[in-house]
Every structure is written in structure tokens, then in C-alpha cells.
Amino acid sequence: MNPTLPNRPPESAGAAAAEDEASARAVLNRLRRAQGQLAGVITMVEEGRDCRDCRDVVTQLAAVSRALDRAGFKIIAGRMRECLTAPEDGGTPAMNEAELEKLFLTLA
């Protein structure tokens, strides 16, 4: 059994690893998209377009914010079960329900 995923049966460990990898790729894609959008906003502001094209700048900033929020929620959702059930160093779970709720609320 995989020591980092103690509550998963051995036959599902490979599927879980593939799911974790896919989730990590999705998060990275969202973060890269946000990075590109933010670079675009920075360019717009440097060119003075924030005054001329206020609507476009705000629209892009909102898109960056949404992409970052979704990446954060994806990270939390993808790790929620593991954080609540997987013991760190064979001891207690990495996070309790209240700590996970607090993380969620920091993004809300």
C-alpha cells in the first residue's frame, strides 16, 4: 500500500495517482493562464490603457481573480479527503475540518 495514501486500497493507488497528476496539471494550467492574463493587464497599465480602456482592464483583472480562485478551490478540493484522513507521520490528520473550512473561506 502507498504510504502517502493509507486509506486507499492497493488496486486503486494507480488510479488515484493518475487523478492527482491530472488535478495538478489542471491547477498549473489555471495558474499559467492567470499569469498570462496578469501580464496582459500589466502591459495595459504600462501603456496607459487603464485610463482609455478601463472596461478591458477591469475585465482582465476579474478573469485573473477568477482563475486564481478556481486554482485555489481545486487545490483544496483535491486534497480535502487526504487532509482529513491521511495521517502525517502516522499520527493525526494533516488538517481538521475547521482548518479546511478556514482555507475555503480565505478564498471566498
Protein backbone atom coordinates (compact mmCIF):
# COMPACT_ATOMS: atom_id res chain seq x y z
CA MET A 1 0.00 0.00 0.00
CA ASN A 2 1.20 3.52 -0.80
CA PRO A 3 2.28 5.18 2.47
CA THR A 4 1.08 8.63 1.36
CA LEU A 5 -2.42 7.33 0.63
CA PRO A 6 -3.11 4.96 3.52
CA ASN A 7 -6.89 4.76 3.16
CA ARG A 8 -6.91 3.72 -0.49
CA PRO A 9 -6.79 0.05 -1.40
CA PRO A 10 -3.69 -1.02 -3.38
CA GLU A 11 -5.63 -1.63 -6.60
CA SER A 12 -6.86 1.97 -6.65
CA ALA A 13 -3.49 3.56 -5.85
CA GLY A 14 -2.53 3.78 -9.55
CA ALA A 15 -5.83 5.38 -10.48
CA ALA A 16 -5.52 7.79 -7.56
CA ALA A 17 -2.01 8.79 -8.64
CA ALA A 18 -3.26 9.45 -12.18
CA GLU A 19 -6.14 11.51 -10.79
CA ASP A 20 -3.75 13.50 -8.59
CA GLU A 21 -1.48 14.15 -11.58
CA ALA A 22 -4.41 15.29 -13.73
CA SER A 23 -5.56 17.59 -10.94
CA ALA A 24 -2.08 19.08 -10.59
CA ARG A 25 -1.94 19.70 -14.36
CA ALA A 26 -5.33 21.43 -14.25
CA VAL A 27 -4.18 23.68 -11.39
CA LEU A 28 -0.96 24.55 -13.21
CA ASN A 29 -2.88 25.34 -16.39
CA ARG A 30 -5.17 27.70 -14.47
CA LEU A 31 -2.20 29.39 -12.80
CA ARG A 32 -0.36 29.81 -16.12
CA ARG A 33 -3.49 31.26 -17.69
CA ALA A 34 -3.80 33.72 -14.80
CA GLN A 35 -0.12 34.59 -15.14
CA GLY A 36 -0.61 35.38 -18.84
CA GLN A 37 -3.72 37.44 -18.15
CA LEU A 38 -1.93 39.36 -15.41
CA ALA A 39 1.00 40.05 -17.74
CA GLY A 40 -1.53 41.46 -20.20
CA VAL A 41 -3.03 43.72 -17.53
CA ILE A 42 0.43 44.95 -16.53
CA THR A 43 1.17 45.79 -20.17
CA MET A 44 -2.15 47.63 -20.49
CA VAL A 45 -1.38 49.72 -17.40
CA GLU A 46 2.20 50.41 -18.54
CA GLU A 47 0.82 51.65 -21.87
CA GLY A 48 -1.71 53.89 -20.12
CA ARG A 49 -4.64 51.87 -21.39
CA ASP A 50 -6.09 51.64 -17.88
CA CYS A 51 -7.43 55.16 -18.42
CA ARG A 52 -8.57 54.69 -22.04
CA ASP A 53 -9.75 51.09 -21.87
CA CYS A 54 -10.93 50.85 -18.28
CA ARG A 55 -13.53 48.23 -19.13
CA ASP A 56 -10.96 45.92 -20.75
CA VAL A 57 -8.53 46.26 -17.84
CA VAL A 58 -11.20 45.51 -15.25
CA THR A 59 -12.47 42.56 -17.31
CA GLN A 60 -8.97 41.10 -17.46
CA LEU A 61 -8.39 41.68 -13.75
CA ALA A 62 -11.65 39.88 -12.98
CA ALA A 63 -10.52 36.96 -15.17
CA VAL A 64 -7.20 36.78 -13.30
CA SER A 65 -9.01 36.81 -9.97
CA ARG A 66 -11.41 34.04 -11.05
CA ALA A 67 -8.57 31.89 -12.38
CA LEU A 68 -6.65 32.22 -9.10
CA ASP A 69 -9.76 31.48 -7.03
CA ARG A 70 -10.55 28.40 -9.08
CA ALA A 71 -6.98 27.16 -8.78
CA GLY A 72 -7.18 27.58 -5.00
CA PHE A 73 -10.50 25.78 -4.76
CA LYS A 74 -9.19 22.98 -6.99
CA ILE A 75 -6.18 22.54 -4.70
CA ILE A 76 -8.33 22.45 -1.59
CA ALA A 77 -10.98 20.18 -3.08
CA GLY A 78 -8.38 17.80 -4.45
CA ARG A 79 -6.70 17.45 -1.09
CA MET A 80 -9.70 17.61 1.23
CA ARG A 81 -10.18 13.90 1.69
CA GLU A 82 -6.45 13.27 2.03
CA CYS A 83 -6.03 16.10 4.53
CA LEU A 84 -8.86 14.82 6.68
CA THR A 85 -7.94 11.16 6.57
CA ALA A 86 -4.23 10.78 5.79
CA PRO A 87 -2.18 10.89 8.95
CA GLU A 88 1.06 12.84 8.90
CA ASP A 89 3.93 10.70 10.17
CA GLY A 90 1.44 8.03 11.16
CA GLY A 91 -0.26 10.41 13.61
CA THR A 92 -3.20 12.73 13.31
CA PRO A 93 -4.73 14.01 10.05
CA ALA A 94 -2.86 16.84 8.32
CA MET A 95 -5.83 19.19 8.76
CA ASN A 96 -9.08 19.04 10.62
CA GLU A 97 -12.45 20.09 9.25
CA ALA A 98 -12.28 23.56 10.84
CA GLU A 99 -8.88 24.25 9.26
CA LEU A 100 -10.13 23.19 5.82
CA GLU A 101 -13.21 25.37 6.22
CA LYS A 102 -10.97 28.31 7.11
CA LEU A 103 -8.92 27.70 3.95
CA PHE A 104 -12.09 27.66 1.86
CA LEU A 105 -13.28 30.89 3.43
CA THR A 106 -10.00 32.66 2.70
CA LEU A 107 -10.81 32.21 -0.99
CA ALA A 108 -14.47 33.18 -0.68
